[in-house]
Amino acid sequence: MTEVRLSEAPHGNRAKSTVSFPNGVSMSSAETYPTVSEALAAAALKLLDMPDRLARLDQAAKVPKL
């Protein structure tokens, strides 16, 4: 199963989000948000705006490992 992680970290008195892919690539938001839930929601929405990357993750998960 392919796992994509959404995480947050404090950034001053605000929160910053990161999306991490299984191949080691991660993207952090340039923006900060007042709450953790807003930061995570923003990261999730950005991920959904990349259907081509999600499709490639699905394809990679279907390839049998030798």
N, C-alpha and C. Protein backbone atom coordinates (compact mmCIF):
# COMPACT_ATOMS: atom_id res chain seq x y z
N MET A 1 0.84 -1.18 0.00
CA MET A 1 0.00 0.00 0.00
C MET A 1 0.89 1.24 0.00
N THR A 2 0.52 2.19 -0.80
CA THR A 2 1.24 3.46 -0.85
C THR A 2 0.72 4.37 0.24
N GLU A 3 1.62 5.04 0.90
CA GLU A 3 1.22 5.91 2.01
C GLU A 3 1.72 7.33 1.74
N VAL A 4 0.80 8.27 1.79
CA VAL A 4 1.13 9.69 1.69
C VAL A 4 0.83 10.29 3.05
N ARG A 5 1.78 11.02 3.60
CA ARG A 5 1.60 11.57 4.95
C ARG A 5 1.35 13.07 4.90
N LEU A 6 0.42 13.50 5.70
CA LEU A 6 0.18 14.92 5.94
C LEU A 6 0.67 15.18 7.36
N SER A 7 1.49 16.19 7.52
CA SER A 7 1.96 16.52 8.86
C SER A 7 2.01 18.03 9.02
N GLU A 8 2.13 18.43 10.25
CA GLU A 8 2.24 19.86 10.54
C GLU A 8 3.34 20.10 11.54
N ALA A 9 3.83 21.31 11.54
CA ALA A 9 4.86 21.71 12.49
C ALA A 9 4.59 23.15 12.91
N PRO A 10 4.88 23.46 14.16
CA PRO A 10 4.70 24.85 14.58
C PRO A 10 5.63 25.76 13.80
N HIS A 11 5.16 26.93 13.50
CA HIS A 11 5.96 27.93 12.79
C HIS A 11 5.63 29.27 13.44
N GLY A 12 6.41 29.63 14.42
CA GLY A 12 6.07 30.82 15.23
C GLY A 12 4.83 30.49 16.04
N ASN A 13 3.83 31.33 15.96
CA ASN A 13 2.58 31.05 16.68
C ASN A 13 1.52 30.52 15.72
N ARG A 14 1.98 29.98 14.59
CA ARG A 14 1.07 29.44 13.57
C ARG A 14 1.52 28.03 13.21
N ALA A 15 0.85 27.39 12.26
CA ALA A 15 1.18 26.02 11.85
C ALA A 15 1.51 25.99 10.37
N LYS A 16 2.43 25.11 10.01
CA LYS A 16 2.85 24.93 8.62
C LYS A 16 2.67 23.46 8.28
N SER A 17 2.22 23.15 7.07
CA SER A 17 1.93 21.77 6.71
C SER A 17 2.92 21.22 5.70
N THR A 18 3.06 19.89 5.69
CA THR A 18 3.93 19.18 4.76
C THR A 18 3.21 17.94 4.24
N VAL A 19 3.36 17.68 2.94
CA VAL A 19 2.88 16.44 2.33
C VAL A 19 4.13 15.64 1.99
N SER A 20 4.21 14.39 2.47
CA SER A 20 5.37 13.54 2.21
C SER A 20 4.95 12.31 1.40
N PHE A 21 5.68 12.05 0.31
CA PHE A 21 5.41 10.92 -0.56
C PHE A 21 6.37 9.78 -0.23
N PRO A 22 6.01 8.53 -0.58
CA PRO A 22 6.84 7.38 -0.23
C PRO A 22 8.21 7.38 -0.88
N ASN A 23 8.39 8.08 -1.99
CA ASN A 23 9.70 8.10 -2.65
C ASN A 23 10.65 9.12 -2.03
N GLY A 24 10.24 9.74 -0.93
CA GLY A 24 11.09 10.69 -0.22
C GLY A 24 10.85 12.14 -0.57
N VAL A 25 10.03 12.39 -1.58
CA VAL A 25 9.72 13.77 -1.96
C VAL A 25 8.72 14.34 -0.97
N SER A 26 8.92 15.57 -0.56
CA SER A 26 7.95 16.22 0.32
C SER A 26 7.79 17.67 -0.11
N MET A 27 6.63 18.20 0.17
CA MET A 27 6.32 19.58 -0.16
C MET A 27 5.80 20.26 1.10
N SER A 28 6.38 21.38 1.43
CA SER A 28 5.89 22.16 2.56
C SER A 28 5.17 23.38 2.04
N SER A 29 4.17 23.80 2.77
CA SER A 29 3.44 24.99 2.35
C SER A 29 4.29 26.23 2.61
N ALA A 30 4.18 27.18 1.73
CA ALA A 30 4.84 28.46 1.95
C ALA A 30 4.05 29.28 2.96
N GLU A 31 2.76 28.98 3.05
CA GLU A 31 1.87 29.72 3.94
C GLU A 31 1.89 29.11 5.34
N THR A 32 1.50 29.89 6.30
CA THR A 32 1.25 29.37 7.64
C THR A 32 -0.22 29.63 7.96
N TYR A 33 -0.75 28.82 8.85
CA TYR A 33 -2.18 28.89 9.17
C TYR A 33 -2.36 29.05 10.69
N PRO A 34 -3.45 29.68 11.11
CA PRO A 34 -3.67 29.92 12.53
C PRO A 34 -3.85 28.65 13.37
N THR A 35 -4.35 27.58 12.75
CA THR A 35 -4.57 26.34 13.51
C THR A 35 -3.98 25.15 12.77
N VAL A 36 -3.74 24.08 13.51
CA VAL A 36 -3.23 22.84 12.93
C VAL A 36 -4.22 22.29 11.91
N SER A 37 -5.51 22.29 12.24
CA SER A 37 -6.50 21.72 11.32
C SER A 37 -6.55 22.49 10.00
N GLU A 38 -6.38 23.80 10.04
CA GLU A 38 -6.35 24.58 8.80
C GLU A 38 -5.11 24.25 7.97
N ALA A 39 -3.98 24.05 8.63
CA ALA A 39 -2.75 23.71 7.92
C ALA A 39 -2.89 22.36 7.24
N LEU A 40 -3.42 21.36 7.95
CA LEU A 40 -3.58 20.03 7.37
C LEU A 40 -4.61 20.02 6.25
N ALA A 41 -5.69 20.75 6.42
CA ALA A 41 -6.71 20.83 5.37
C ALA A 41 -6.13 21.47 4.11
N ALA A 42 -5.33 22.50 4.26
CA ALA A 42 -4.71 23.15 3.11
C ALA A 42 -3.77 22.20 2.38
N ALA A 43 -3.00 21.42 3.14
CA ALA A 43 -2.09 20.45 2.52
C ALA A 43 -2.88 19.39 1.76
N ALA A 44 -3.96 18.91 2.35
CA ALA A 44 -4.78 17.90 1.69
C ALA A 44 -5.39 18.45 0.40
N LEU A 45 -5.86 19.67 0.43
CA LEU A 45 -6.45 20.27 -0.77
C LEU A 45 -5.40 20.46 -1.86
N LYS A 46 -4.18 20.83 -1.49
CA LYS A 46 -3.12 20.97 -2.49
C LYS A 46 -2.81 19.61 -3.12
N LEU A 47 -2.82 18.56 -2.31
CA LEU A 47 -2.57 17.22 -2.82
C LEU A 47 -3.65 16.82 -3.82
N LEU A 48 -4.90 17.12 -3.52
CA LEU A 48 -5.99 16.78 -4.43
C LEU A 48 -5.93 17.58 -5.72
N ASP A 49 -5.24 18.70 -5.72
CA ASP A 49 -5.07 19.50 -6.93
C ASP A 49 -4.00 18.93 -7.86
N MET A 50 -3.41 17.79 -7.49
CA MET A 50 -2.36 17.17 -8.31
C MET A 50 -2.79 15.77 -8.74
N PRO A 51 -3.86 15.63 -9.50
CA PRO A 51 -4.34 14.29 -9.86
C PRO A 51 -3.32 13.47 -10.64
N ASP A 52 -2.45 14.11 -11.41
CA ASP A 52 -1.43 13.36 -12.15
C ASP A 52 -0.44 12.68 -11.20
N ARG A 53 -0.06 13.35 -10.14
CA ARG A 53 0.86 12.74 -9.17
C ARG A 53 0.17 11.60 -8.42
N LEU A 54 -1.10 11.76 -8.08
CA LEU A 54 -1.83 10.70 -7.41
C LEU A 54 -1.98 9.49 -8.34
N ALA A 55 -2.23 9.72 -9.62
CA ALA A 55 -2.34 8.62 -10.59
C ALA A 55 -1.03 7.86 -10.70
N ARG A 56 0.10 8.57 -10.70
CA ARG A 56 1.41 7.90 -10.75
C ARG A 56 1.65 7.07 -9.50
N LEU A 57 1.21 7.55 -8.34
CA LEU A 57 1.35 6.76 -7.11
C LEU A 57 0.54 5.48 -7.21
N ASP A 58 -0.66 5.57 -7.77
CA ASP A 58 -1.49 4.37 -7.95
C ASP A 58 -0.80 3.37 -8.87
N GLN A 59 -0.23 3.86 -9.97
CA GLN A 59 0.45 2.98 -10.92
C GLN A 59 1.66 2.32 -10.26
N ALA A 60 2.42 3.07 -9.51
CA ALA A 60 3.60 2.52 -8.84
C ALA A 60 3.21 1.46 -7.82
N ALA A 61 2.08 1.64 -7.17
CA ALA A 61 1.63 0.67 -6.16
C ALA A 61 1.19 -0.64 -6.81
N LYS A 62 0.78 -0.62 -8.09
CA LYS A 62 0.29 -1.80 -8.78
C LYS A 62 1.41 -2.63 -9.40
N VAL A 63 2.60 -2.04 -9.56
CA VAL A 63 3.71 -2.75 -10.18
C VAL A 63 4.27 -3.75 -9.18
N PRO A 64 4.31 -5.05 -9.55
CA PRO A 64 4.86 -6.05 -8.61
C PRO A 64 6.35 -5.84 -8.40
N LYS A 65 6.76 -5.99 -7.17
CA LYS A 65 8.20 -5.85 -6.84
C LYS A 65 8.87 -7.20 -6.97
N LEU A 66 9.99 -7.22 -7.66
CA LEU A 66 10.73 -8.47 -7.88
C LEU A 66 11.83 -8.64 -6.89
